[in-house]
């Protein structure tokens, strides 16, 4: 899948760095730092801003990010508290935030929490895709890891609802939990032919962040400065590891 000049789903996993600034200037400062690092994509975590941005602030900030990011794809995310984020918007506010980001013309991908937003997830997905924005259907579990069978069913559900990229992030309690995610990721990658993102968080799950070339996980999240989830590896180190695994 091509997003701007980036092929997602082929070659080594692409490195995405999160932007977690609490105000616009902090966001811009982080993006300036990220573009100096070996990063392929940028994720703007709008839920980290204080207060939660209204439509005008989302559009203005997104346009500013685009100016700094150049041709790097920008992923817009509102990670809710229910899935480990910092914001707790009602359904109308969540949907309006996503629509505002799409209408800014400055983002390339939109994260939608498919299991937390009921029927509105399909409405937002359709609106984004109709306006040329790719959709990352996501689900995050910060307490446990379901079985490989349940994880595969979740990937299948995301695929059936026409997500462009299918993302699951879970918290492992055992090594078997990590292997369950890797097994489900590989099976979904083979079955659906779409980019998969599979993340096992924390130190126990570090293997999942570097093994995408084998398991089919197309994007790995790495930090430049402050990270956004447990276990993120610094982007410089991630780039070095991925090149080494690729034989360079």
Foldseek 3Di string as FASTA:
>chain_A
DDFQNDDFQDDFAFEEAEQQDQDLVSSLVQLLLVLVFRHQAYEYAQLNHPPRDALVRLLVSLVSSLVNNPRRAYEYDHQDVVQPTRHHDPLVRVLSSLLSNLVSVRHAEYEDADVPRPPVSLVSCVSNVVSRHAYEHEGHAEPEADALVVLLVQLVVCVVSPHQEYEYEYEYPDLVSLVSQLVSQQVSCVPRVHAYATFHFAPSGLCSQQCCVPSRHRHHYAYDPDHRTHPHHHRNVSVVSNCVVVVD
